[in-house]
Each structure stands twice: as structure tokens, then as C-alpha cells.
Amino acid sequence: MLQGRWKLPILFRLYADPALRTSQLKREIAGISQKMLTQHLRELAEDGLVDRIDFMEKPLRVEYQLSEMGRQLLPVLVAMRGFSVAHPAV
């Protein structure tokens, strides 16, 4: 579920804001391409960690937010990040 360079930054960004559009995520995650962002958001939604909200409007308006399962995963991810900061790779 968390394989890939960009999934953790996407999850942490969605943790900070309740809902974000793709363009907002792309602006706020430095270095990510539109293709990778779209691919990882799709995978996270398929895995149940992110909810995709389609407002059925023209022009197209879609937002992403953490699902309940995604919110349950966040304490584990925060602990992993804390561990990696305390024990940097040699």
C-alpha cells in the first residue's frame, strides 16, 4: 500500500488539510510530476487509504481526503518518521 516514493508525502499532506484538489497537491509536493501524482492517488484510493470526492461539476472538480482507514494509519506513519529521524541511515 505504501510502496512508492510519493505516497507518504501525499498522505502527510492530506493529513494536514481535510481535503485537497490535485492541483493543490502538485503545488505543495515539490518535485512530483502530474503523472506520478495521479497514479499514486489512484492507487491510494484503490487501497482504501484515500477517498476521491467527485463533485460532478463542469469544469471537473475532484478533491481527495484521507479515508477512515488512512486516518487510522497516520499514528503508525508518524512513529516511523520519528524513528527514521532518530536513527538516520549510515
PDB file of N, CA and C in Angstrom:
ATOM      1  N   MET A   1       0.809  -1.209   0.000  1.00  0.00           N
ATOM      2  CA  MET A   1       0.000   0.000   0.000  1.00  0.00           C
ATOM      3  C   MET A   1       0.846   1.263   0.000  1.00  0.00           C
ATOM      4  N   LEU A   2       2.001   1.216   0.636  1.00  0.00           N
ATOM      5  CA  LEU A   2       2.812   2.427   0.793  1.00  0.00           C
ATOM      6  C   LEU A   2       4.046   2.422  -0.084  1.00  0.00           C
ATOM      7  N   GLN A   3       4.094   1.499  -1.018  1.00  0.00           N
ATOM      8  CA  GLN A   3       5.241   1.415  -1.903  1.00  0.00           C
ATOM      9  C   GLN A   3       5.228   2.579  -2.890  1.00  0.00           C
ATOM     10  N   GLY A   4       6.354   3.187  -3.072  1.00  0.00           N
ATOM     11  CA  GLY A   4       6.465   4.317  -3.990  1.00  0.00           C
ATOM     12  C   GLY A   4       6.996   5.537  -3.266  1.00  0.00           C
ATOM     13  N   ARG A   5       7.717   6.335  -3.999  1.00  0.00           N
ATOM     14  CA  ARG A   5       8.389   7.499  -3.423  1.00  0.00           C
ATOM     15  C   ARG A   5       7.428   8.563  -2.909  1.00  0.00           C
ATOM     16  N   TRP A   6       6.268   8.691  -3.534  1.00  0.00           N
ATOM     17  CA  TRP A   6       5.402   9.841  -3.266  1.00  0.00           C
ATOM     18  C   TRP A   6       4.208   9.562  -2.360  1.00  0.00           C
ATOM     19  N   LYS A   7       3.949   8.315  -2.045  1.00  0.00           N
ATOM     20  CA  LYS A   7       2.738   8.021  -1.266  1.00  0.00           C
ATOM     21  C   LYS A   7       2.771   8.618   0.137  1.00  0.00           C
ATOM     22  N   LEU A   8       3.907   8.527   0.804  1.00  0.00           N
ATOM     23  CA  LEU A   8       3.980   9.099   2.162  1.00  0.00           C
ATOM     24  C   LEU A   8       3.834  10.619   2.147  1.00  0.00           C
ATOM     25  N   PRO A   9       4.524  11.337   1.251  1.00  0.00           N
ATOM     26  CA  PRO A   9       4.286  12.792   1.219  1.00  0.00           C
ATOM     27  C   PRO A   9       2.827  13.147   0.919  1.00  0.00           C
ATOM     28  N   ILE A  10       2.181  12.376   0.057  1.00  0.00           N
ATOM     29  CA  ILE A  10       0.768  12.629  -0.244  1.00  0.00           C
ATOM     30  C   ILE A  10      -0.083  12.414   1.005  1.00  0.00           C
ATOM     31  N   LEU A  11       0.148  11.307   1.703  1.00  0.00           N
ATOM     32  CA  LEU A  11      -0.641  11.019   2.910  1.00  0.00           C
ATOM     33  C   LEU A  11      -0.417  12.084   3.984  1.00  0.00           C
ATOM     34  N   PHE A  12       0.834  12.480   4.210  1.00  0.00           N
ATOM     35  CA  PHE A  12       1.100  13.502   5.225  1.00  0.00           C
ATOM     36  C   PHE A  12       0.472  14.837   4.837  1.00  0.00           C
ATOM     37  N   ARG A  13       0.472  15.158   3.555  1.00  0.00           N
ATOM     38  CA  ARG A  13      -0.133  16.419   3.102  1.00  0.00           C
ATOM     39  C   ARG A  13      -1.642  16.392   3.306  1.00  0.00           C
ATOM     40  N   LEU A  14      -2.259  15.246   3.019  1.00  0.00           N
ATOM     41  CA  LEU A  14      -3.705  15.117   3.227  1.00  0.00           C
ATOM     42  C   LEU A  14      -4.052  15.084   4.717  1.00  0.00           C
ATOM     43  N   TYR A  15      -3.104  14.660   5.530  1.00  0.00           N
ATOM     44  CA  TYR A  15      -3.319  14.681   6.971  1.00  0.00           C
ATOM     45  C   TYR A  15      -3.382  16.124   7.476  1.00  0.00           C
ATOM     46  N   ALA A  16      -2.593  17.002   6.857  1.00  0.00           N
ATOM     47  CA  ALA A  16      -2.523  18.402   7.282  1.00  0.00           C
ATOM     48  C   ALA A  16      -3.759  19.196   6.869  1.00  0.00           C
ATOM     49  N   ASP A  17      -4.383  18.847   5.759  1.00  0.00           N
ATOM     50  CA  ASP A  17      -5.580  19.539   5.269  1.00  0.00           C
ATOM     51  C   ASP A  17      -6.698  18.532   5.100  1.00  0.00           C
ATOM     52  N   PRO A  18      -7.922  18.909   5.402  1.00  0.00           N
ATOM     53  CA  PRO A  18      -9.031  17.950   5.330  1.00  0.00           C
ATOM     54  C   PRO A  18      -9.320  17.460   3.912  1.00  0.00           C
ATOM     55  N   ALA A  19      -9.174  18.306   2.915  1.00  0.00           N
ATOM     56  CA  ALA A  19      -9.435  17.903   1.531  1.00  0.00           C
ATOM     57  C   ALA A  19      -8.650  18.814   0.597  1.00  0.00           C
ATOM     58  N   LEU A  20      -8.041  18.195  -0.423  1.00  0.00           N
ATOM     59  CA  LEU A  20      -7.246  18.966  -1.376  1.00  0.00           C
ATOM     60  C   LEU A  20      -7.531  18.509  -2.797  1.00  0.00           C
ATOM     61  N   ARG A  21      -7.442  19.460  -3.710  1.00  0.00           N
ATOM     62  CA  ARG A  21      -7.558  19.149  -5.125  1.00  0.00           C
ATOM     63  C   ARG A  21      -6.190  18.716  -5.646  1.00  0.00           C
ATOM     64  N   THR A  22      -6.196  18.031  -6.782  1.00  0.00           N
ATOM     65  CA  THR A  22      -4.957  17.542  -7.371  1.00  0.00           C
ATOM     66  C   THR A  22      -3.976  18.685  -7.606  1.00  0.00           C
ATOM     67  N   SER A  23      -4.454  19.804  -8.126  1.00  0.00           N
ATOM     68  CA  SER A  23      -3.564  20.937  -8.414  1.00  0.00           C
ATOM     69  C   SER A  23      -2.922  21.483  -7.136  1.00  0.00           C
ATOM     70  N   GLN A  24      -3.653  21.473  -6.032  1.00  0.00           N
ATOM     71  CA  GLN A  24      -3.086  21.937  -4.760  1.00  0.00           C
ATOM     72  C   GLN A  24      -1.992  20.985  -4.283  1.00  0.00           C
ATOM     73  N   LEU A  25      -2.254  19.677  -4.399  1.00  0.00           N
ATOM     74  CA  LEU A  25      -1.248  18.690  -4.003  1.00  0.00           C
ATOM     75  C   LEU A  25       0.012  18.839  -4.851  1.00  0.00           C
ATOM     76  N   LYS A  26      -0.150  19.006  -6.146  1.00  0.00           N
ATOM     77  CA  LYS A  26       1.004  19.140  -7.039  1.00  0.00           C
ATOM     78  C   LYS A  26       1.832  20.371  -6.686  1.00  0.00           C
ATOM     79  N   ARG A  27       1.172  21.465  -6.361  1.00  0.00           N
ATOM     80  CA  ARG A  27       1.877  22.687  -5.968  1.00  0.00           C
ATOM     81  C   ARG A  27       2.645  22.512  -4.659  1.00  0.00           C
ATOM     82  N   GLU A  28       2.093  21.754  -3.752  1.00  0.00           N
ATOM     83  CA  GLU A  28       2.650  21.684  -2.402  1.00  0.00           C
ATOM     84  C   GLU A  28       3.639  20.538  -2.191  1.00  0.00           C
ATOM     85  N   ILE A  29       3.705  19.601  -3.125  1.00  0.00           N
ATOM     86  CA  ILE A  29       4.666  18.500  -3.019  1.00  0.00           C
ATOM     87  C   ILE A  29       5.738  18.742  -4.080  1.00  0.00           C
ATOM     88  N   ALA A  30       6.835  19.282  -3.654  1.00  0.00           N
ATOM     89  CA  ALA A  30       7.901  19.675  -4.585  1.00  0.00           C
ATOM     90  C   ALA A  30       8.466  18.475  -5.332  1.00  0.00           C
ATOM     91  N   GLY A  31       8.559  18.628  -6.654  1.00  0.00           N
ATOM     92  CA  GLY A  31       9.215  17.612  -7.469  1.00  0.00           C
ATOM     93  C   GLY A  31       8.324  16.525  -8.035  1.00  0.00           C
ATOM     94  N   ILE A  32       7.079  16.445  -7.616  1.00  0.00           N
ATOM     95  CA  ILE A  32       6.207  15.386  -8.103  1.00  0.00           C
ATOM     96  C   ILE A  32       5.631  15.782  -9.467  1.00  0.00           C
ATOM     97  N   SER A  33       5.599  14.823 -10.384  1.00  0.00           N
ATOM     98  CA  SER A  33       5.014  15.085 -11.698  1.00  0.00           C
ATOM     99  C   SER A  33       3.508  14.821 -11.636  1.00  0.00           C
ATOM    100  N   GLN A  34       2.795  15.378 -12.590  1.00  0.00           N
ATOM    101  CA  GLN A  34       1.349  15.159 -12.650  1.00  0.00           C
ATOM    102  C   GLN A  34       1.036  13.679 -12.817  1.00  0.00           C
ATOM    103  N   LYS A  35       1.823  12.991 -13.636  1.00  0.00           N
ATOM    104  CA  LYS A  35       1.608  11.556 -13.879  1.00  0.00           C
ATOM    105  C   LYS A  35       1.756  10.746 -12.584  1.00  0.00           C
ATOM    106  N   MET A  36       2.829  11.013 -11.834  1.00  0.00           N
ATOM    107  CA  MET A  36       3.060  10.262 -10.604  1.00  0.00           C
ATOM    108  C   MET A  36       2.001  10.592  -9.545  1.00  0.00           C
ATOM    109  N   LEU A  37       1.620  11.850  -9.460  1.00  0.00           N
ATOM    110  CA  LEU A  37       0.590  12.236  -8.505  1.00  0.00           C
ATOM    111  C   LEU A  37      -0.719  11.518  -8.819  1.00  0.00           C
ATOM    112  N   THR A  38      -1.122  11.540 -10.072  1.00  0.00           N
ATOM    113  CA  THR A  38      -2.361  10.876 -10.475  1.00  0.00           C
ATOM    114  C   THR A  38      -2.286   9.383 -10.209  1.00  0.00           C
ATOM    115  N   GLN A  39      -1.171   8.767 -10.570  1.00  0.00           N
ATOM    116  CA  GLN A  39      -1.004   7.320 -10.378  1.00  0.00           C
ATOM    117  C   GLN A  39      -1.080   6.946  -8.903  1.00  0.00           C
ATOM    118  N   HIS A  40      -0.360   7.683  -8.067  1.00  0.00           N
ATOM    119  CA  HIS A  40      -0.342   7.350  -6.636  1.00  0.00           C
ATOM    120  C   HIS A  40      -1.688   7.644  -5.966  1.00  0.00           C
ATOM    121  N   LEU A  41      -2.348   8.710  -6.355  1.00  0.00           N
ATOM    122  CA  LEU A  41      -3.678   8.985  -5.797  1.00  0.00           C
ATOM    123  C   LEU A  41      -4.646   7.870  -6.167  1.00  0.00           C
ATOM    124  N   ARG A  42      -4.574   7.397  -7.401  1.00  0.00           N
ATOM    125  CA  ARG A  42      -5.430   6.295  -7.837  1.00  0.00           C
ATOM    126  C   ARG A  42      -5.169   5.031  -7.011  1.00  0.00           C
ATOM    127  N   GLU A  43      -3.893   4.715  -6.815  1.00  0.00           N
ATOM    128  CA  GLU A  43      -3.528   3.532  -6.036  1.00  0.00           C
ATOM    129  C   GLU A  43      -3.962   3.664  -4.578  1.00  0.00           C
ATOM    130  N   LEU A  44      -3.753   4.834  -3.988  1.00  0.00           N
ATOM    131  CA  LEU A  44      -4.174   5.053  -2.600  1.00  0.00           C
ATOM    132  C   LEU A  44      -5.687   4.936  -2.458  1.00  0.00           C
ATOM    133  N   ALA A  45      -6.432   5.402  -3.450  1.00  0.00           N
ATOM    134  CA  ALA A  45      -7.890   5.284  -3.428  1.00  0.00           C
ATOM    135  C   ALA A  45      -8.304   3.821  -3.575  1.00  0.00           C
ATOM    136  N   GLU A  46      -7.646   3.087  -4.462  1.00  0.00           N
ATOM    137  CA  GLU A  46      -7.965   1.661  -4.639  1.00  0.00           C
ATOM    138  C   GLU A  46      -7.668   0.868  -3.377  1.00  0.00           C
ATOM    139  N   ASP A  47      -6.609   1.253  -2.652  1.00  0.00           N
ATOM    140  CA  ASP A  47      -6.243   0.569  -1.411  1.00  0.00           C
ATOM    141  C   ASP A  47      -7.095   1.001  -0.222  1.00  0.00           C
ATOM    142  N   GLY A  48      -7.932   2.010  -0.404  1.00  0.00           N
ATOM    143  CA  GLY A  48      -8.828   2.434   0.654  1.00  0.00           C
ATOM    144  C   GLY A  48      -8.239   3.436   1.633  1.00  0.00           C
ATOM    145  N   LEU A  49      -7.067   4.000   1.323  1.00  0.00           N
ATOM    146  CA  LEU A  49      -6.450   4.957   2.239  1.00  0.00           C
ATOM    147  C   LEU A  49      -6.890   6.389   1.980  1.00  0.00           C
ATOM    148  N   VAL A  50      -7.386   6.650   0.766  1.00  0.00           N
ATOM    149  CA  VAL A  50      -7.798   7.986   0.363  1.00  0.00           C
ATOM    150  C   VAL A  50      -9.181   7.901  -0.270  1.00  0.00           C
ATOM    151  N   ASP A  51     -10.009   8.875   0.008  1.00  0.00           N
ATOM    152  CA  ASP A  51     -11.326   8.981  -0.631  1.00  0.00           C
ATOM    153  C   ASP A  51     -11.252  10.024  -1.736  1.00  0.00           C
ATOM    154  N   ARG A  52     -11.795   9.680  -2.898  1.00  0.00           N
ATOM    155  CA  ARG A  52     -11.875  10.616  -4.027  1.00  0.00           C
ATOM    156  C   ARG A  52     -13.299  11.144  -4.074  1.00  0.00           C
ATOM    157  N   ILE A  53     -13.440  12.456  -3.986  1.00  0.00           N
ATOM    158  CA  ILE A  53     -14.769  13.077  -3.984  1.00  0.00           C
ATOM    159  C   ILE A  53     -14.949  13.820  -5.301  1.00  0.00           C
ATOM    160  N   ASP A  54     -15.865  13.339  -6.119  1.00  0.00           N
ATOM    161  CA  ASP A  54     -16.152  13.953  -7.419  1.00  0.00           C
ATOM    162  C   ASP A  54     -17.424  14.776  -7.256  1.00  0.00           C
ATOM    163  N   PHE A  55     -17.331  16.066  -7.506  1.00  0.00           N
ATOM    164  CA  PHE A  55     -18.467  16.965  -7.316  1.00  0.00           C
ATOM    165  C   PHE A  55     -19.395  17.015  -8.515  1.00  0.00           C
ATOM    166  N   MET A  56     -19.055  16.258  -9.583  1.00  0.00           N
ATOM    167  CA  MET A  56     -19.890  16.171 -10.794  1.00  0.00           C
ATOM    168  C   MET A  56     -20.208  17.554 -11.347  1.00  0.00           C
ATOM    169  N   GLU A  57     -19.195  18.401 -11.399  1.00  0.00           N
ATOM    170  CA  GLU A  57     -19.360  19.759 -11.911  1.00  0.00           C
ATOM    171  C   GLU A  57     -18.547  19.933 -13.180  1.00  0.00           C
ATOM    172  N   LYS A  58     -18.896  20.925 -13.946  1.00  0.00           N
ATOM    173  CA  LYS A  58     -18.112  21.351 -15.105  1.00  0.00           C
ATOM    174  C   LYS A  58     -17.630  22.753 -14.818  1.00  0.00           C
ATOM    175  N   PRO A  59     -16.363  23.057 -14.867  1.00  0.00           N
ATOM    176  CA  PRO A  59     -15.276  22.134 -15.135  1.00  0.00           C
ATOM    177  C   PRO A  59     -15.114  21.122 -14.002  1.00  0.00           C
ATOM    178  N   LEU A  60     -14.453  20.021 -14.330  1.00  0.00           N
ATOM    179  CA  LEU A  60     -14.281  18.912 -13.400  1.00  0.00           C
ATOM    180  C   LEU A  60     -13.688  19.397 -12.078  1.00  0.00           C
ATOM    181  N   ARG A  61     -14.310  18.987 -10.976  1.00  0.00           N
ATOM    182  CA  ARG A  61     -13.805  19.323  -9.646  1.00  0.00           C
ATOM    183  C   ARG A  61     -13.772  18.055  -8.811  1.00  0.00           C
ATOM    184  N   VAL A  62     -12.568  17.671  -8.427  1.00  0.00           N
ATOM    185  CA  VAL A  62     -12.347  16.468  -7.630  1.00  0.00           C
ATOM    186  C   VAL A  62     -11.463  16.839  -6.453  1.00  0.00           C
ATOM    187  N   GLU A  63     -11.797  16.321  -5.290  1.00  0.00           N
ATOM    188  CA  GLU A  63     -10.958  16.521  -4.104  1.00  0.00           C
ATOM    189  C   GLU A  63     -10.597  15.166  -3.519  1.00  0.00           C
ATOM    190  N   TYR A  64      -9.491  15.150  -2.807  1.00  0.00           N
ATOM    191  CA  TYR A  64      -9.037  13.934  -2.136  1.00  0.00           C
ATOM    192  C   TYR A  64      -8.928  14.216  -0.652  1.00  0.00           C
ATOM    193  N   GLN A  65      -9.277  13.207   0.138  1.00  0.00           N
ATOM    194  CA  GLN A  65      -9.135  13.313   1.590  1.00  0.00           C
ATOM    195  C   GLN A  65      -8.786  11.937   2.133  1.00  0.00           C
ATOM    196  N   LEU A  66      -8.221  11.915   3.335  1.00  0.00           N
ATOM    197  CA  LEU A  66      -7.922  10.631   3.958  1.00  0.00           C
ATOM    198  C   LEU A  66      -9.214   9.905   4.287  1.00  0.00           C
ATOM    199  N   SER A  67      -9.232   8.623   4.030  1.00  0.00           N
ATOM    200  CA  SER A  67     -10.372   7.804   4.444  1.00  0.00           C
ATOM    201  C   SER A  67     -10.215   7.479   5.931  1.00  0.00           C
ATOM    202  N   GLU A  68     -11.182   6.818   6.489  1.00  0.00           N
ATOM    203  CA  GLU A  68     -11.088   6.414   7.895  1.00  0.00           C
ATOM    204  C   GLU A  68      -9.880   5.505   8.097  1.00  0.00           C
ATOM    205  N   MET A  69      -9.665   4.566   7.170  1.00  0.00           N
ATOM    206  CA  MET A  69      -8.518   3.667   7.268  1.00  0.00           C
ATOM    207  C   MET A  69      -7.206   4.456   7.151  1.00  0.00           C
ATOM    208  N   GLY A  70      -7.176   5.461   6.293  1.00  0.00           N
ATOM    209  CA  GLY A  70      -5.997   6.309   6.165  1.00  0.00           C
ATOM    210  C   GLY A  70      -5.702   7.074   7.439  1.00  0.00           C
ATOM    211  N   ARG A  71      -6.753   7.569   8.095  1.00  0.00           N
ATOM    212  CA  ARG A  71      -6.559   8.285   9.371  1.00  0.00           C
ATOM    213  C   ARG A  71      -6.051   7.336  10.452  1.00  0.00           C
ATOM    214  N   GLN A  72      -6.482   6.081  10.428  1.00  0.00           N
ATOM    215  CA  GLN A  72      -6.008   5.101  11.410  1.00  0.00           C
ATOM    216  C   GLN A  72      -4.541   4.753  11.203  1.00  0.00           C
ATOM    217  N   LEU A  73      -4.059   4.878   9.977  1.00  0.00           N
ATOM    218  CA  LEU A  73      -2.673   4.553   9.663  1.00  0.00           C
ATOM    219  C   LEU A  73      -1.708   5.662  10.088  1.00  0.00           C
ATOM    220  N   LEU A  74      -2.179   6.883  10.212  1.00  0.00           N
ATOM    221  CA  LEU A  74      -1.295   8.023  10.474  1.00  0.00           C
ATOM    222  C   LEU A  74      -0.458   7.906  11.740  1.00  0.00           C
ATOM    223  N   PRO A  75      -0.959   7.446  12.875  1.00  0.00           N
ATOM    224  CA  PRO A  75      -0.074   7.328  14.052  1.00  0.00           C
ATOM    225  C   PRO A  75       1.116   6.395  13.794  1.00  0.00           C
ATOM    226  N   VAL A  76       0.896   5.358  13.021  1.00  0.00           N
ATOM    227  CA  VAL A  76       1.982   4.437  12.681  1.00  0.00           C
ATOM    228  C   VAL A  76       3.016   5.155  11.809  1.00  0.00           C
ATOM    229  N   LEU A  77       2.551   5.914  10.833  1.00  0.00           N
ATOM    230  CA  LEU A  77       3.463   6.634   9.943  1.00  0.00           C
ATOM    231  C   LEU A  77       4.254   7.706  10.692  1.00  0.00           C
ATOM    232  N   VAL A  78       3.601   8.392  11.613  1.00  0.00           N
ATOM    233  CA  VAL A  78       4.292   9.405  12.417  1.00  0.00           C
ATOM    234  C   VAL A  78       5.368   8.739  13.278  1.00  0.00           C
ATOM    235  N   ALA A  79       5.065   7.589  13.849  1.00  0.00           N
ATOM    236  CA  ALA A  79       6.051   6.860  14.651  1.00  0.00           C
ATOM    237  C   ALA A  79       7.222   6.398  13.785  1.00  0.00           C
ATOM    238  N   MET A  80       6.944   5.928  12.573  1.00  0.00           N
ATOM    239  CA  MET A  80       8.008   5.506  11.666  1.00  0.00           C
ATOM    240  C   MET A  80       8.898   6.679  11.296  1.00  0.00           C
ATOM    241  N   ARG A  81       8.290   7.831  11.036  1.00  0.00           N
ATOM    242  CA  ARG A  81       9.076   9.012  10.681  1.00  0.00           C
ATOM    243  C   ARG A  81       9.949   9.444  11.862  1.00  0.00           C
ATOM    244  N   GLY A  82       9.392   9.402  13.061  1.00  0.00           N
ATOM    245  CA  GLY A  82      10.176   9.733  14.248  1.00  0.00           C
ATOM    246  C   GLY A  82      11.351   8.784  14.435  1.00  0.00           C
ATOM    247  N   PHE A  83      11.131   7.510  14.182  1.00  0.00           N
ATOM    248  CA  PHE A  83      12.196   6.513  14.294  1.00  0.00           C
ATOM    249  C   PHE A  83      13.296   6.795  13.270  1.00  0.00           C
ATOM    250  N   SER A  84      12.886   7.103  12.027  1.00  0.00           N
ATOM    251  CA  SER A  84      13.891   7.346  10.987  1.00  0.00           C
ATOM    252  C   SER A  84      14.699   8.619  11.261  1.00  0.00           C
ATOM    253  N   VAL A  85      14.091   9.609  11.877  1.00  0.00           N
ATOM    254  CA  VAL A  85      14.825  10.831  12.234  1.00  0.00           C
ATOM    255  C   VAL A  85      15.814  10.527  13.367  1.00  0.00           C
ATOM    256  N   ALA A  86      15.384   9.720  14.330  1.00  0.00           N
ATOM    257  CA  ALA A  86      16.246   9.390  15.464  1.00  0.00           C
ATOM    258  C   ALA A  86      17.366   8.422  15.096  1.00  0.00           C
ATOM    259  N   HIS A  87      17.164   7.647  14.025  1.00  0.00           N
ATOM    260  CA  HIS A  87      18.154   6.644  13.600  1.00  0.00           C
ATOM    261  C   HIS A  87      18.441   6.796  12.104  1.00  0.00           C
ATOM    262  N   PRO A  88      19.169   7.841  11.735  1.00  0.00           N
ATOM    263  CA  PRO A  88      19.444   8.052  10.304  1.00  0.00           C
ATOM    264  C   PRO A  88      20.266   6.913   9.712  1.00  0.00           C
ATOM    265  N   ALA A  89      20.069   6.704   8.409  1.00  0.00           N
ATOM    266  CA  ALA A  89      20.824   5.653   7.705  1.00  0.00           C
ATOM    267  C   ALA A  89      22.305   5.993   7.722  1.00  0.00           C
ATOM    268  N   VAL A  90      23.110   4.979   7.818  1.00  0.00           N
ATOM    269  CA  VAL A  90      24.574   5.159   7.875  1.00  0.00           C
ATOM    270  C   VAL A  90      25.140   5.163   6.485  1.00  0.00           C
TER     271      VAL A  90
END
